[in-house]
Amino acid sequence: MTLNDIKPGQECRIVDVNLDGATGQRLMDMGFMPGTKVKIVRNAPLVDPVDLLLRGYHVGIRHHEAKGVEVEEL
């Protein structure tokens, strides 16, 4: 299951970041590390971004980035 599959209001735990290059490194720099809890706050009404609550702060990422983050439901 990926972060893109989680609905607003649900929480999950990051299992792995499956993105290479600068995008994967950027997400890891922002705190997307295995074991981190994430709550989906909302999806944008049109296309992007996905608003997340991660380590006490809000972050917005694109759907194609969220598809590269493997998670498990809590």
C-alpha atoms as a PDB file:
ATOM      1  CA  MET A   1       0.000   0.000   0.000  1.00  0.00           C
ATOM      2  CA  THR A   2       1.278   3.489  -0.761  1.00  0.00           C
ATOM      3  CA  LEU A   3       0.728   6.865   0.857  1.00  0.00           C
ATOM      4  CA  ASN A   4      -1.433   7.822  -2.114  1.00  0.00           C
ATOM      5  CA  ASP A   5      -3.952   5.069  -1.164  1.00  0.00           C
ATOM      6  CA  ILE A   6      -4.642   6.470   2.327  1.00  0.00           C
ATOM      7  CA  LYS A   7      -7.775   8.598   2.749  1.00  0.00           C
ATOM      8  CA  PRO A   8      -8.017  11.938   4.619  1.00  0.00           C
ATOM      9  CA  GLY A   9      -8.258  11.485   8.380  1.00  0.00           C
ATOM     10  CA  GLN A  10      -6.424   8.140   8.379  1.00  0.00           C
ATOM     11  CA  GLU A  11      -3.030   7.529   9.933  1.00  0.00           C
ATOM     12  CA  CYS A  12      -0.298   5.225   8.714  1.00  0.00           C
ATOM     13  CA  ARG A  13       3.350   4.346   9.296  1.00  0.00           C
ATOM     14  CA  ILE A  14       6.049   4.677   6.634  1.00  0.00           C
ATOM     15  CA  VAL A  15       7.631   1.353   5.678  1.00  0.00           C
ATOM     16  CA  ASP A  16       9.939   2.469   2.849  1.00  0.00           C
ATOM     17  CA  VAL A  17      10.610   5.337   0.434  1.00  0.00           C
ATOM     18  CA  ASN A  18      10.839   3.846  -3.071  1.00  0.00           C
ATOM     19  CA  LEU A  19      11.956   6.975  -4.929  1.00  0.00           C
ATOM     20  CA  ASP A  20      15.417   7.451  -6.369  1.00  0.00           C
ATOM     21  CA  GLY A  21      17.478  10.550  -6.928  1.00  0.00           C
ATOM     22  CA  ALA A  22      16.759  14.036  -5.694  1.00  0.00           C
ATOM     23  CA  THR A  23      13.060  13.417  -5.026  1.00  0.00           C
ATOM     24  CA  GLY A  24      13.701  10.481  -2.695  1.00  0.00           C
ATOM     25  CA  GLN A  25      16.470  12.364  -0.924  1.00  0.00           C
ATOM     26  CA  ARG A  26      14.267  15.458  -0.520  1.00  0.00           C
ATOM     27  CA  LEU A  27      11.484  13.406   1.086  1.00  0.00           C
ATOM     28  CA  MET A  28      13.941  11.732   3.446  1.00  0.00           C
ATOM     29  CA  ASP A  29      15.383  15.154   4.357  1.00  0.00           C
ATOM     30  CA  MET A  30      11.841  16.284   5.252  1.00  0.00           C
ATOM     31  CA  GLY A  31      11.435  13.349   7.640  1.00  0.00           C
ATOM     32  CA  PHE A  32       9.914  10.594   5.489  1.00  0.00           C
ATOM     33  CA  MET A  33      11.812   7.822   7.259  1.00  0.00           C
ATOM     34  CA  PRO A  34      10.718   4.225   7.944  1.00  0.00           C
ATOM     35  CA  GLY A  35       8.742   4.014  11.182  1.00  0.00           C
ATOM     36  CA  THR A  36       7.451   7.597  11.033  1.00  0.00           C
ATOM     37  CA  LYS A  37       3.714   8.096  11.616  1.00  0.00           C
ATOM     38  CA  VAL A  38       1.846  10.160   9.017  1.00  0.00           C
ATOM     39  CA  LYS A  39      -1.708  11.509   9.045  1.00  0.00           C
ATOM     40  CA  ILE A  40      -3.435  12.492   5.818  1.00  0.00           C
ATOM     41  CA  VAL A  41      -5.075  15.881   6.413  1.00  0.00           C
ATOM     42  CA  ARG A  42      -6.649  16.470   2.991  1.00  0.00           C
ATOM     43  CA  ASN A  43      -6.298  16.050  -0.742  1.00  0.00           C
ATOM     44  CA  ALA A  44      -6.441  19.120  -2.956  1.00  0.00           C
ATOM     45  CA  PRO A  45      -9.766  19.499  -4.769  1.00  0.00           C
ATOM     46  CA  LEU A  46      -8.236  19.290  -8.248  1.00  0.00           C
ATOM     47  CA  VAL A  47      -4.976  17.383  -8.634  1.00  0.00           C
ATOM     48  CA  ASP A  48      -2.088  18.136  -6.260  1.00  0.00           C
ATOM     49  CA  PRO A  49      -0.951  18.351  -3.440  1.00  0.00           C
ATOM     50  CA  VAL A  50      -1.681  15.890  -0.652  1.00  0.00           C
ATOM     51  CA  ASP A  51      -1.549  17.667   2.739  1.00  0.00           C
ATOM     52  CA  LEU A  52       0.130  15.534   5.431  1.00  0.00           C
ATOM     53  CA  LEU A  53       0.880  15.896   9.132  1.00  0.00           C
ATOM     54  CA  LEU A  54       4.351  14.484   9.720  1.00  0.00           C
ATOM     55  CA  ARG A  55       6.466  14.857  12.873  1.00  0.00           C
ATOM     56  CA  GLY A  56       4.325  17.761  14.075  1.00  0.00           C
ATOM     57  CA  TYR A  57       4.356  19.853  10.888  1.00  0.00           C
ATOM     58  CA  HIS A  58       2.299  20.040   7.711  1.00  0.00           C
ATOM     59  CA  VAL A  59       3.843  19.154   4.386  1.00  0.00           C
ATOM     60  CA  GLY A  60       2.356  18.998   0.905  1.00  0.00           C
ATOM     61  CA  ILE A  61       3.603  16.501  -1.670  1.00  0.00           C
ATOM     62  CA  ARG A  62       2.486  15.538  -5.164  1.00  0.00           C
ATOM     63  CA  HIS A  63       0.455  12.392  -5.808  1.00  0.00           C
ATOM     64  CA  HIS A  64       3.252  10.808  -7.869  1.00  0.00           C
ATOM     65  CA  GLU A  65       5.609  11.334  -4.906  1.00  0.00           C
ATOM     66  CA  ALA A  66       3.041   9.815  -2.520  1.00  0.00           C
ATOM     67  CA  LYS A  67       2.870   6.742  -4.770  1.00  0.00           C
ATOM     68  CA  GLY A  68       6.559   6.143  -4.057  1.00  0.00           C
ATOM     69  CA  VAL A  69       6.122   5.979  -0.265  1.00  0.00           C
ATOM     70  CA  GLU A  70       5.185   2.504   0.995  1.00  0.00           C
ATOM     71  CA  VAL A  71       3.073   2.555   4.178  1.00  0.00           C
ATOM     72  CA  GLU A  72       1.091   0.333   6.537  1.00  0.00           C
ATOM     73  CA  GLU A  73      -2.182   1.304   8.191  1.00  0.00           C
ATOM     74  CA  LEU A  74      -2.298   1.771  11.962  1.00  0.00           C
END
